[in-house]
Amino acid sequence: MNNIKALREKVGISQTEMSKRLGITNDYLCMIENNRRSPSLKLSMALAAELKVTLDELFFTKKTNKMFIN
């Protein structure tokens, strides 16, 4: 599990718009958000930059400081 979908929705960016900004398909972003694919470090960094968050905020819970694992 990751925080990508929740963070994207929080800032009001559609999945289609985010995938265009990242240069990936909408289907691939959907797979990442639904934990069927793991983004590369480069893509993770691009996601964090677009959402204006840290990598930790993308992949770790704040309450437990545990990493989301598929």
C-alpha atoms as a PDB file:
ATOM      1  CA  MET A   1       0.000   0.000   0.000  1.00  0.00           C
ATOM      2  CA  ASN A   2       1.145   3.563  -0.650  1.00  0.00           C
ATOM      3  CA  ASN A   3      -0.186   7.077  -0.176  1.00  0.00           C
ATOM      4  CA  ILE A   4       0.006   8.145  -3.817  1.00  0.00           C
ATOM      5  CA  LYS A   5      -3.701   8.082  -4.658  1.00  0.00           C
ATOM      6  CA  ALA A   6      -4.722   9.839  -1.440  1.00  0.00           C
ATOM      7  CA  LEU A   7      -2.058  12.523  -1.885  1.00  0.00           C
ATOM      8  CA  ARG A   8      -2.987  13.032  -5.554  1.00  0.00           C
ATOM      9  CA  GLU A   9      -6.664  13.377  -4.690  1.00  0.00           C
ATOM     10  CA  LYS A  10      -5.863  15.719  -1.795  1.00  0.00           C
ATOM     11  CA  VAL A  11      -4.228  18.208  -4.178  1.00  0.00           C
ATOM     12  CA  GLY A  12      -7.023  17.788  -6.733  1.00  0.00           C
ATOM     13  CA  ILE A  13      -5.086  16.309  -9.636  1.00  0.00           C
ATOM     14  CA  SER A  14      -6.862  13.702 -11.750  1.00  0.00           C
ATOM     15  CA  GLN A  15      -5.190  10.405 -12.522  1.00  0.00           C
ATOM     16  CA  THR A  16      -5.160  11.340 -16.212  1.00  0.00           C
ATOM     17  CA  GLU A  17      -3.489  14.691 -15.546  1.00  0.00           C
ATOM     18  CA  MET A  18      -0.900  13.149 -13.228  1.00  0.00           C
ATOM     19  CA  SER A  19      -0.014  10.440 -15.719  1.00  0.00           C
ATOM     20  CA  LYS A  20       0.448  13.093 -18.431  1.00  0.00           C
ATOM     21  CA  ARG A  21       2.721  15.149 -16.151  1.00  0.00           C
ATOM     22  CA  LEU A  22       4.805  12.063 -15.393  1.00  0.00           C
ATOM     23  CA  GLY A  23       4.941  10.824 -18.989  1.00  0.00           C
ATOM     24  CA  ILE A  24       3.385   7.455 -18.167  1.00  0.00           C
ATOM     25  CA  THR A  25       0.115   5.840 -19.146  1.00  0.00           C
ATOM     26  CA  ASN A  26      -2.992   6.236 -17.047  1.00  0.00           C
ATOM     27  CA  ASP A  27      -3.139   2.437 -16.752  1.00  0.00           C
ATOM     28  CA  TYR A  28       0.388   2.296 -15.322  1.00  0.00           C
ATOM     29  CA  LEU A  29      -0.384   4.995 -12.737  1.00  0.00           C
ATOM     30  CA  CYS A  30      -3.520   3.055 -11.788  1.00  0.00           C
ATOM     31  CA  MET A  31      -1.436  -0.093 -11.262  1.00  0.00           C
ATOM     32  CA  ILE A  32       1.011   1.840  -9.063  1.00  0.00           C
ATOM     33  CA  GLU A  33      -1.778   3.371  -6.996  1.00  0.00           C
ATOM     34  CA  ASN A  34      -3.369  -0.058  -6.553  1.00  0.00           C
ATOM     35  CA  ASN A  35      -0.074  -1.712  -5.596  1.00  0.00           C
ATOM     36  CA  ARG A  36       0.108  -3.939  -8.648  1.00  0.00           C
ATOM     37  CA  ARG A  37       3.355  -2.270  -9.774  1.00  0.00           C
ATOM     38  CA  SER A  38       6.141  -0.527  -7.900  1.00  0.00           C
ATOM     39  CA  PRO A  39       7.455   2.738  -9.333  1.00  0.00           C
ATOM     40  CA  SER A  40      11.146   3.129 -10.028  1.00  0.00           C
ATOM     41  CA  LEU A  41      13.146   5.497  -7.853  1.00  0.00           C
ATOM     42  CA  LYS A  42      13.167   8.046 -10.684  1.00  0.00           C
ATOM     43  CA  LEU A  43       9.372   7.859 -11.043  1.00  0.00           C
ATOM     44  CA  SER A  44       8.931   7.950  -7.261  1.00  0.00           C
ATOM     45  CA  MET A  45      10.993  11.131  -7.118  1.00  0.00           C
ATOM     46  CA  ALA A  46       8.919  12.654  -9.923  1.00  0.00           C
ATOM     47  CA  LEU A  47       5.703  11.729  -8.098  1.00  0.00           C
ATOM     48  CA  ALA A  48       6.985  13.297  -4.888  1.00  0.00           C
ATOM     49  CA  ALA A  49       7.962  16.468  -6.758  1.00  0.00           C
ATOM     50  CA  GLU A  50       4.550  16.741  -8.461  1.00  0.00           C
ATOM     51  CA  LEU A  51       2.752  16.210  -5.153  1.00  0.00           C
ATOM     52  CA  LYS A  52       5.204  18.423  -3.231  1.00  0.00           C
ATOM     53  CA  VAL A  53       5.890  15.724  -0.628  1.00  0.00           C
ATOM     54  CA  THR A  54       8.859  13.640   0.448  1.00  0.00           C
ATOM     55  CA  LEU A  55       9.451  10.036  -0.570  1.00  0.00           C
ATOM     56  CA  ASP A  56       8.708   9.094   3.032  1.00  0.00           C
ATOM     57  CA  GLU A  57       5.270  10.671   2.736  1.00  0.00           C
ATOM     58  CA  LEU A  58       4.587   8.632  -0.421  1.00  0.00           C
ATOM     59  CA  PHE A  59       5.482   5.275   1.083  1.00  0.00           C
ATOM     60  CA  PHE A  60       5.394   5.420   4.893  1.00  0.00           C
ATOM     61  CA  THR A  61       2.551   5.877   7.343  1.00  0.00           C
ATOM     62  CA  LYS A  62       2.937   8.728   9.794  1.00  0.00           C
ATOM     63  CA  LYS A  63       1.267   6.931  12.684  1.00  0.00           C
ATOM     64  CA  THR A  64       3.509   3.896  12.731  1.00  0.00           C
ATOM     65  CA  ASN A  65       6.521   4.983  10.671  1.00  0.00           C
ATOM     66  CA  LYS A  66       6.198   1.635   8.916  1.00  0.00           C
ATOM     67  CA  MET A  67       6.732   1.203   5.239  1.00  0.00           C
ATOM     68  CA  PHE A  68       3.757   0.133   3.141  1.00  0.00           C
ATOM     69  CA  ILE A  69       4.522  -3.309   1.748  1.00  0.00           C
ATOM     70  CA  ASN A  70       2.641  -4.957  -1.104  1.00  0.00           C
END
